[in-house]
Amino acid sequence: MQKFKAIKYIRLSYTDDKNVESNSVSNQRKLIDDFLSKHPEIEGVTEKVDDGYSGVLFDRPAFSEMMELVKNGTINCVIVKDLSRLGREYIETGRYLRKIFPAYGVRFIAINDDLDTLTQSADEITVSIKNIINEEYARDISVKTRTALDIKRRSGDFVGAFTVYGYLKTGDKHKSLVIDPFAANVVRDIFRKRLNGSSAFHIAEELNRSGILSPLAYKRSNGLPYAKGGYADKEECKWSATTIIRILSDEIYTGTMVQGKQSTPHFKLKERELKPSSEWVRVENTHEAIIDKADFDLVQRLKRLDTRTAPQSDKVYLFSGVLICGCCGGRMTRKTNRYKDKEYFYYFCPAGKKGGCSSTSMIKESDLTECVRTSLKAHINSVTSLNSIINGVSRERINRELVNEYKGYIKSNEEQLLRVEKI
């Protein structure tokens, strides 16, 4: 009698109903062990488990390990609870049953479906129909899951697996966000520094120099969930300009829940595609804001400005990225004219008639500077007229509010200091 060396393959999808005990890992294992006890010609050599992987895709880690054992001849029998555990994609599942397993001389057994390729062919109509039904089940689950998640997003519930830096998930039924005091203070400092003129690179350097943990390192040290793989696998995860820009661009800090930025075009595909911003789901006032909406909008305006330095220069010109042509809406360009060893600076629209702009005039930089200076003087005069109102505000009240605010900062920093010392 031929002796078969079998592998017990177990799969549990994240979409499976966890209340159905028959689909659990332990129950699948027990079912296969009972089957092996009744078939002495089959020896259970090893076991592979894919817990939390969809049957539509076949690039599962344990499944790949199983196929390596098949290819090197370590095993010649695969046992599963039923066909859906092997896979729910009709074409690929059929390819393994009809081509790959027979090519390697592998016996395949699906216990609940009463399928054993040693005694019957996998080409039977019954097997094909079951594979089609399994795929339709996966399609139906995908549609229901997408619909349920979309309803939750539009209701303002947080459906993500990992929160952004500065927030924590609530534990109630309607998932929302609550402020993480220490991280929120860091986010406020990042926005404050940007509004004060610091670049993203300079902010990142300053945070690293101050010993502030990056978002990923902070989540690790506090036992919070974070995405695995890629950058997350690096030992040293420091602040970078990219991280700063991502924080400065995230509207969620204004109290607006923004979700549905990515999606998969088909339930059989794993790769996610970025959706246009017009299709994102935005729900305002779902959680407490960390950043004032006006400050957030101002930072976005600063991002759109041209803050590059001129060639062989270490400073940004006063009106760089600010001047807009009143005719075509394009950005105006700075030009230098030299006459008798003197330099004169002008701004003009580079589009010209070829670009559909009828404006041909050039504006002196000195005239623009004088215009801005005059406007500032008028604004300062308006502000100084408020002195009488400001003087009427109780200094004791102001001091009391400031003391309470900074006490909170001190407490958060002391807690972080203790964590850092412990590390």
Protein backbone atom coordinates (compact mmCIF):
# COMPACT_ATOMS: atom_id res chain seq x y z
CA MET A 1 0.00 0.00 0.00
CA GLN A 2 1.30 3.43 -0.98
CA LYS A 3 2.13 5.65 2.00
CA PHE A 4 1.09 9.28 1.68
CA LYS A 5 2.83 12.12 3.49
CA ALA A 6 0.14 14.72 4.06
CA ILE A 7 -0.01 18.36 4.99
CA LYS A 8 -2.97 19.76 6.90
CA TYR A 9 -3.87 23.09 5.25
CA ILE A 10 -6.13 25.39 7.30
CA ARG A 11 -7.44 28.80 6.26
CA LEU A 12 -9.63 31.28 8.11
CA SER A 13 -10.66 34.46 6.30
CA TYR A 14 -11.11 37.80 8.05
CA THR A 15 -14.58 37.88 6.47
CA ASP A 16 -15.63 34.53 7.94
CA ASP A 17 -18.32 34.64 10.57
CA LYS A 18 -16.34 34.19 13.80
CA ASN A 19 -19.50 32.95 15.53
CA VAL A 20 -19.52 29.86 13.31
CA GLU A 21 -17.30 27.49 15.27
CA SER A 22 -17.02 25.03 12.37
CA ASN A 23 -14.82 27.51 10.49
CA SER A 24 -12.40 28.05 13.39
CA VAL A 25 -8.78 26.95 13.12
CA SER A 26 -9.14 24.50 16.01
CA ASN A 27 -12.24 22.90 14.50
CA GLN A 28 -10.65 22.50 11.08
CA ARG A 29 -7.62 20.89 12.72
CA LYS A 30 -9.80 18.48 14.75
CA LEU A 31 -11.78 17.48 11.64
CA ILE A 32 -8.60 16.68 9.70
CA ASP A 33 -7.03 14.81 12.64
CA ASP A 34 -10.17 12.65 12.95
CA PHE A 35 -9.94 11.87 9.23
CA LEU A 36 -6.27 10.91 9.53
CA SER A 37 -7.00 8.59 12.46
CA LYS A 38 -9.33 6.59 10.19
CA HIS A 39 -6.82 6.39 7.30
CA PRO A 40 -3.56 4.77 8.45
CA GLU A 41 -2.14 4.94 4.92
CA ILE A 42 -1.92 8.75 5.29
CA GLU A 43 0.69 10.26 7.62
CA GLY A 44 0.17 13.84 8.80
CA VAL A 45 3.64 15.31 8.34
CA THR A 46 3.07 19.01 8.94
CA GLU A 47 0.47 21.77 9.14
CA LYS A 48 0.14 25.22 7.56
CA VAL A 49 -2.35 27.88 8.69
CA ASP A 50 -3.40 31.09 6.92
CA ASP A 51 -5.37 33.00 9.53
CA GLY A 52 -7.05 36.15 8.22
CA TYR A 53 -6.46 35.65 4.47
CA SER A 54 -9.05 35.77 1.72
CA GLY A 55 -9.59 32.68 -0.39
CA VAL A 56 -9.87 34.79 -3.54
CA LEU A 57 -6.10 35.43 -3.54
CA PHE A 58 -3.45 32.72 -3.64
CA ASP A 59 -0.38 34.68 -2.52
CA ARG A 60 -0.94 33.65 1.10
CA PRO A 61 2.20 33.00 3.17
CA ALA A 62 1.27 29.54 4.51
CA PHE A 63 -0.10 28.47 1.11
CA SER A 64 3.19 29.49 -0.54
CA GLU A 65 5.14 27.50 2.06
CA MET A 66 2.91 24.49 1.40
CA MET A 67 3.57 24.71 -2.36
CA GLU A 68 7.33 24.75 -1.71
CA LEU A 69 6.95 21.47 0.19
CA VAL A 70 4.93 20.10 -2.72
CA LYS A 71 7.58 21.11 -5.27
CA ASN A 72 10.52 19.63 -3.37
CA GLY A 73 8.66 16.37 -2.80
CA THR A 74 8.42 16.59 1.00
CA ILE A 75 4.66 15.95 0.83
CA ASN A 76 2.42 14.24 -1.70
CA CYS A 77 -1.00 14.79 -0.14
CA VAL A 78 -2.97 17.94 0.76
CA ILE A 79 -5.93 17.73 3.14
CA VAL A 80 -8.44 20.55 3.76
CA LYS A 81 -11.79 20.82 5.49
CA ASP A 82 -13.56 21.72 2.23
CA LEU A 83 -12.85 23.20 -1.20
CA SER A 84 -13.44 26.78 -0.02
CA ARG A 85 -10.45 26.45 2.36
CA LEU A 86 -8.16 25.85 -0.64
CA GLY A 87 -9.58 28.87 -2.46
CA ARG A 88 -12.69 30.71 -3.58
CA GLU A 89 -11.50 31.79 -7.03
CA TYR A 90 -13.04 29.44 -9.59
CA ILE A 91 -10.34 29.50 -12.31
CA GLU A 92 -7.26 29.39 -10.03
CA THR A 93 -8.73 26.72 -7.74
CA GLY A 94 -9.53 24.59 -10.77
CA ARG A 95 -5.97 25.06 -12.08
CA TYR A 96 -4.51 23.66 -8.87
CA LEU A 97 -6.92 20.71 -8.84
CA ARG A 98 -6.62 19.78 -12.53
CA LYS A 99 -3.04 20.73 -13.44
CA ILE A 100 -0.64 21.64 -10.64
CA PHE A 101 -1.44 18.92 -8.07
CA PRO A 102 -1.61 16.12 -10.68
CA ALA A 103 1.69 17.35 -12.21
CA TYR A 104 3.46 16.85 -8.87
CA GLY A 105 1.61 13.61 -8.11
CA VAL A 106 -0.21 15.16 -5.16
CA ARG A 107 -3.36 13.60 -3.76
CA PHE A 108 -5.93 16.23 -2.76
CA ILE A 109 -8.65 15.59 -0.16
CA ALA A 110 -11.54 17.93 0.75
CA ILE A 111 -13.27 16.13 3.62
CA ASN A 112 -16.69 17.81 3.82
CA ASP A 113 -17.04 17.88 0.02
CA ASP A 114 -16.24 14.17 -0.16
CA LEU A 115 -13.53 14.82 -2.75
CA ASP A 116 -10.46 12.58 -3.02
CA THR A 117 -8.47 12.83 -6.27
CA LEU A 118 -7.06 9.33 -5.68
CA THR A 119 -10.49 7.79 -6.21
CA GLN A 120 -12.28 10.39 -8.36
CA SER A 121 -11.46 13.09 -10.89
CA ALA A 122 -11.44 16.78 -10.03
CA ASP A 123 -13.11 17.47 -13.38
CA GLU A 124 -16.47 16.27 -12.17
CA ILE A 125 -19.35 18.70 -12.73
CA THR A 126 -20.12 18.68 -9.00
CA VAL A 127 -16.63 19.96 -8.14
CA SER A 128 -16.85 22.69 -10.80
CA ILE A 129 -20.23 23.83 -9.53
CA LYS A 130 -18.94 23.96 -5.95
CA ASN A 131 -15.99 26.10 -7.07
CA ILE A 132 -18.35 28.50 -8.85
CA ILE A 133 -20.57 28.70 -5.75
CA ASN A 134 -17.51 29.42 -3.57
CA GLU A 135 -16.46 32.27 -5.86
CA GLU A 136 -19.97 33.76 -5.87
CA TYR A 137 -19.97 33.59 -2.08
CA ALA A 138 -16.72 35.61 -2.03
CA ARG A 139 -18.23 38.15 -4.43
CA ASP A 140 -21.35 38.48 -2.28
CA ILE A 141 -19.30 38.94 0.90
CA SER A 142 -17.18 41.59 -0.84
CA VAL A 143 -20.24 43.60 -1.91
CA LYS A 144 -21.79 43.40 1.56
CA THR A 145 -18.53 44.38 3.27
CA ARG A 146 -17.95 47.35 0.94
CA THR A 147 -21.53 48.56 1.46
CA ALA A 148 -21.33 48.25 5.24
CA LEU A 149 -18.01 50.12 5.39
CA ASP A 150 -19.33 52.88 3.12
CA ILE A 151 -22.37 53.36 5.38
CA LYS A 152 -20.10 53.61 8.42
CA ARG A 153 -17.82 56.13 6.69
CA ARG A 154 -20.75 58.35 5.72
CA SER A 155 -22.02 58.15 9.31
CA GLY A 156 -18.68 59.51 10.53
CA ASP A 157 -17.48 56.24 12.12
CA PHE A 158 -13.77 55.52 11.93
CA VAL A 159 -13.27 52.25 10.02
CA GLY A 160 -9.48 52.29 9.63
CA ALA A 161 -7.21 49.73 11.26
CA PHE A 162 -4.68 52.35 12.45
CA THR A 163 -5.29 55.86 13.71
CA VAL A 164 -3.25 58.86 12.60
CA TYR A 165 -0.63 60.27 14.94
CA GLY A 166 -2.36 62.46 17.53
CA TYR A 167 -5.53 60.40 17.96
CA LEU A 168 -6.66 57.17 19.60
CA LYS A 169 -9.70 55.00 18.84
CA THR A 170 -12.65 54.97 21.22
CA GLY A 171 -13.83 51.62 22.50
CA ASP A 172 -17.55 52.18 21.93
CA LYS A 173 -19.75 50.68 19.23
CA HIS A 174 -19.64 53.79 17.03
CA LYS A 175 -15.91 54.03 16.41
CA SER A 176 -14.61 57.56 16.66
CA LEU A 177 -11.39 59.32 17.63
CA VAL A 178 -10.19 60.92 20.85
CA ILE A 179 -7.14 63.11 21.30
CA ASP A 180 -3.84 61.62 22.46
CA PRO A 181 -2.59 64.53 24.65
CA PHE A 182 1.17 64.15 24.11
CA ALA A 183 1.03 63.40 20.37
CA ALA A 184 -1.52 66.17 19.84
CA ASN A 185 0.89 68.69 21.40
CA VAL A 186 3.59 67.58 18.97
CA VAL A 187 1.18 68.03 16.04
CA ARG A 188 0.34 71.55 17.27
CA ASP A 189 4.05 72.36 17.49
CA ILE A 190 4.56 71.13 13.91
CA PHE A 191 1.81 73.41 12.58
CA ARG A 192 3.07 76.32 14.72
CA LYS A 193 6.62 75.94 13.40
CA ARG A 194 5.39 75.78 9.81
CA LEU A 195 3.33 78.94 10.26
CA ASN A 196 6.43 80.60 11.71
CA GLY A 197 8.28 79.85 8.48
CA SER A 198 10.15 76.60 9.21
CA SER A 199 10.45 74.08 6.38
CA ALA A 200 9.34 70.46 6.72
CA PHE A 201 12.97 69.32 6.68
CA HIS A 202 13.95 71.81 9.42
CA ILE A 203 10.98 70.74 11.59
CA ALA A 204 11.94 67.07 11.23
CA GLU A 205 15.55 67.80 12.18
CA GLU A 206 14.48 69.78 15.24
CA LEU A 207 12.15 67.02 16.45
CA ASN A 208 14.88 64.40 16.04
CA ARG A 209 17.37 66.64 17.85
CA SER A 210 14.87 67.10 20.72
CA GLY A 211 14.47 63.34 21.11
CA ILE A 212 10.77 63.30 20.19
CA LEU A 213 9.77 59.85 18.98
CA SER A 214 8.50 59.63 15.41
CA PRO A 215 4.86 58.52 14.94
CA LEU A 216 5.88 54.91 14.25
CA ALA A 217 8.36 54.74 17.14
CA TYR A 218 5.81 56.39 19.43
CA LYS A 219 3.17 53.77 18.58
CA ARG A 220 5.67 50.98 19.14
CA SER A 221 6.74 52.30 22.55
CA ASN A 222 3.12 52.70 23.68
CA GLY A 223 1.90 49.35 22.40
CA LEU A 224 -0.43 50.92 19.82
CA PRO A 225 -1.28 49.14 16.55
CA TYR A 226 0.67 50.22 13.46
CA ALA A 227 1.07 49.08 9.87
CA LYS A 228 3.63 46.33 9.34
CA GLY A 229 6.06 45.99 6.47
CA GLY A 230 8.19 48.44 4.48
CA TYR A 231 9.34 51.46 6.47
CA ALA A 232 7.82 49.99 9.64
CA ASP A 233 10.41 47.19 9.62
CA LYS A 234 13.36 49.59 9.99
CA GLU A 235 15.05 49.65 13.37
CA GLU A 236 15.46 53.42 13.44
CA CYS A 237 12.30 55.24 12.44
CA LYS A 238 13.04 58.95 12.70
CA TRP A 239 11.15 62.04 11.69
CA SER A 240 11.49 62.96 8.02
CA ALA A 241 10.26 65.78 5.79
CA THR A 242 7.82 63.32 4.19
CA THR A 243 6.26 62.53 7.60
CA ILE A 244 5.94 66.25 8.41
CA ILE A 245 4.31 67.02 5.06
CA ARG A 246 1.87 64.13 5.55
CA ILE A 247 0.82 65.52 8.94
CA LEU A 248 0.53 69.08 7.60
CA SER A 249 -1.72 67.84 4.76
CA ASP A 250 -4.10 65.69 6.83
CA GLU A 251 -7.51 67.32 7.19
CA ILE A 252 -8.46 64.93 9.99
CA TYR A 253 -6.70 67.25 12.47
CA THR A 254 -9.45 69.85 11.93
CA GLY A 255 -12.17 67.53 13.26
CA THR A 256 -13.21 66.34 9.80
CA MET A 257 -13.21 62.59 9.20
CA VAL A 258 -11.71 61.90 5.77
CA GLN A 259 -11.88 58.28 4.59
CA GLY A 260 -12.27 56.21 1.45
CA LYS A 261 -9.11 57.56 -0.19
CA GLN A 262 -8.21 54.17 -1.66
CA SER A 263 -10.10 51.18 -2.99
CA THR A 264 -9.63 47.97 -4.95
CA PRO A 265 -11.29 48.03 -8.40
CA HIS A 266 -12.36 44.37 -8.12
CA PHE A 267 -12.84 41.89 -5.30
CA LYS A 268 -10.25 39.56 -6.88
CA LEU A 269 -7.54 42.23 -6.93
CA LYS A 270 -5.29 43.03 -3.98
CA GLU A 271 -3.63 46.23 -5.24
CA ARG A 272 -5.26 49.42 -3.97
CA GLU A 273 -5.79 52.48 -6.14
CA LEU A 274 -5.88 56.10 -4.99
CA LYS A 275 -9.29 57.67 -5.67
CA PRO A 276 -9.67 61.33 -6.75
CA SER A 277 -10.22 63.69 -3.80
CA SER A 278 -13.74 64.47 -5.06
CA GLU A 279 -14.73 60.86 -4.22
CA TRP A 280 -13.34 60.87 -0.67
CA VAL A 281 -15.87 60.64 2.14
CA ARG A 282 -15.70 63.78 4.33
CA VAL A 283 -17.80 64.18 7.47
CA GLU A 284 -17.26 67.32 9.54
CA ASN A 285 -17.24 67.66 13.34
CA THR A 286 -16.94 63.92 14.06
CA HIS A 287 -14.22 64.37 16.70
CA GLU A 288 -12.35 67.05 18.61
CA ALA A 289 -10.04 69.13 16.44
CA ILE A 290 -6.34 69.48 17.21
CA ILE A 291 -5.72 72.28 14.68
CA ASP A 292 -7.94 75.28 14.01
CA LYS A 293 -9.46 75.20 10.51
CA ALA A 294 -8.10 78.67 9.68
CA ASP A 295 -4.54 77.62 10.61
CA PHE A 296 -4.87 74.42 8.58
CA ASP A 297 -6.09 76.34 5.51
CA LEU A 298 -3.22 78.83 5.89
CA VAL A 299 -0.68 75.98 5.93
CA GLN A 300 -2.22 74.58 2.71
CA ARG A 301 -1.86 78.01 1.10
CA LEU A 302 1.79 78.15 2.15
CA LYS A 303 2.35 74.75 0.51
CA ARG A 304 1.17 76.13 -2.82
CA LEU A 305 3.59 79.07 -2.73
CA ASP A 306 6.83 79.01 -4.69
CA THR A 307 9.41 79.05 -1.92
CA ARG A 308 12.38 77.96 -4.01
CA THR A 309 15.49 80.11 -3.80
CA ALA A 310 16.83 81.87 -6.85
CA PRO A 311 19.95 80.44 -8.59
CA GLN A 312 23.12 81.09 -6.54
CA SER A 313 21.03 82.64 -3.78
CA ASP A 314 20.14 81.55 -0.25
CA LYS A 315 16.96 83.59 0.21
CA VAL A 316 13.43 83.61 -1.18
CA TYR A 317 12.30 86.81 -2.87
CA LEU A 318 9.62 88.80 -1.07
CA PHE A 319 6.86 88.18 -3.63
CA SER A 320 7.84 84.68 -4.75
CA GLY A 321 4.73 82.62 -5.49
CA VAL A 322 2.41 85.39 -4.30
CA LEU A 323 1.77 87.58 -7.36
CA ILE A 324 -1.00 86.44 -9.70
CA CYS A 325 -1.72 87.93 -13.11
CA GLY A 326 -5.09 89.69 -13.06
CA CYS A 327 -5.69 88.77 -16.69
CA CYS A 328 -4.95 85.04 -17.02
CA GLY A 329 -4.48 83.96 -13.38
CA GLY A 330 -0.94 82.70 -13.95
CA ARG A 331 1.95 83.33 -11.58
CA MET A 332 4.10 86.36 -12.36
CA THR A 333 7.86 86.14 -12.88
CA ARG A 334 10.63 88.36 -11.49
CA LYS A 335 12.95 90.02 -14.00
CA THR A 336 16.14 92.02 -13.50
CA ASN A 337 17.09 94.93 -15.81
CA ARG A 338 20.50 96.57 -15.62
CA TYR A 339 21.16 100.12 -16.70
CA LYS A 340 24.34 102.15 -15.98
CA ASP A 341 25.59 99.76 -13.30
CA LYS A 342 22.23 99.79 -11.53
CA GLU A 343 19.71 96.97 -11.17
CA TYR A 344 15.96 97.40 -11.52
CA PHE A 345 13.51 94.64 -10.62
CA TYR A 346 10.15 94.05 -12.31
CA TYR A 347 7.35 91.47 -12.30
CA PHE A 348 5.53 90.41 -15.48
CA CYS A 349 3.25 87.63 -16.74
CA PRO A 350 5.30 85.12 -18.76
CA ALA A 351 2.25 83.73 -20.60
CA GLY A 352 2.03 86.64 -23.04
CA LYS A 353 -0.18 86.72 -26.08
CA LYS A 354 0.86 83.21 -27.11
CA GLY A 355 -0.47 81.91 -23.81
CA GLY A 356 -3.75 83.82 -24.17
CA CYS A 357 -2.84 86.69 -21.82
CA SER A 358 -3.45 90.28 -22.96
CA SER A 359 -1.44 91.83 -20.12
CA THR A 360 1.92 93.19 -21.30
CA SER A 361 2.66 95.64 -18.48
CA MET A 362 5.58 95.26 -16.06
CA ILE A 363 5.31 96.25 -12.40
CA LYS A 364 8.26 97.62 -10.46
CA GLU A 365 9.19 95.67 -7.35
CA SER A 366 9.77 98.97 -5.52
CA ASP A 367 6.21 100.07 -6.30
CA LEU A 368 4.84 96.78 -4.98
CA THR A 369 6.91 97.07 -1.81
CA GLU A 370 5.65 100.59 -1.18
CA CYS A 371 2.05 99.48 -1.74
CA VAL A 372 2.43 96.64 0.79
CA ARG A 373 4.12 99.00 3.28
CA THR A 374 1.21 101.45 3.04
CA SER A 375 -1.34 98.67 3.56
CA LEU A 376 0.55 97.40 6.59
CA LYS A 377 0.62 100.85 8.16
CA ALA A 378 -3.14 101.12 7.74
CA HIS A 379 -3.61 97.69 9.29
CA ILE A 380 -1.36 98.58 12.25
CA ASN A 381 -3.38 101.75 12.85
CA SER A 382 -6.54 99.63 12.95
CA VAL A 383 -4.98 97.22 15.43
CA THR A 384 -3.73 99.97 17.77
CA SER A 385 -7.28 101.31 18.00
CA LEU A 386 -8.19 98.06 19.81
CA ASN A 387 -5.93 98.86 22.78
CA SER A 388 -8.82 100.14 24.83
CA ILE A 389 -10.70 96.86 24.34
CA ILE A 390 -7.65 94.73 25.12
CA ASN A 391 -6.88 96.72 28.27
CA GLY A 392 -10.35 95.91 29.51
CA VAL A 393 -9.63 92.18 29.52
CA SER A 394 -8.70 90.81 32.95
CA ARG A 395 -5.00 89.94 33.09
CA GLU A 396 -5.71 87.52 35.92
CA ARG A 397 -8.08 85.60 33.69
CA ILE A 398 -5.52 85.45 30.88
CA ASN A 399 -2.77 84.30 33.23
CA ARG A 400 -5.02 81.67 34.79
CA GLU A 401 -5.89 80.17 31.40
CA LEU A 402 -2.25 80.18 30.32
CA VAL A 403 -1.16 78.49 33.54
CA ASN A 404 -3.73 75.71 33.07
CA GLU A 405 -2.67 75.21 29.46
CA TYR A 406 1.05 74.96 30.26
CA LYS A 407 0.39 72.69 33.24
CA GLY A 408 -1.13 70.24 30.76
CA TYR A 409 1.94 70.54 28.50
CA ILE A 410 4.28 69.95 31.44
CA LYS A 411 2.36 66.87 32.56
CA SER A 412 2.41 65.35 29.05
CA ASN A 413 6.14 66.04 28.68
CA GLU A 414 6.90 64.52 32.08
CA GLU A 415 5.01 61.34 31.11
CA GLN A 416 6.93 61.14 27.84
CA LEU A 417 10.22 61.71 29.72
CA LEU A 418 9.47 58.75 31.99
CA ARG A 419 8.77 56.53 28.95
CA VAL A 420 12.01 57.64 27.26
CA GLU A 421 14.04 57.01 30.43
CA LYS A 422 12.49 53.55 30.70
CA ILE A 423 13.45 52.75 27.10
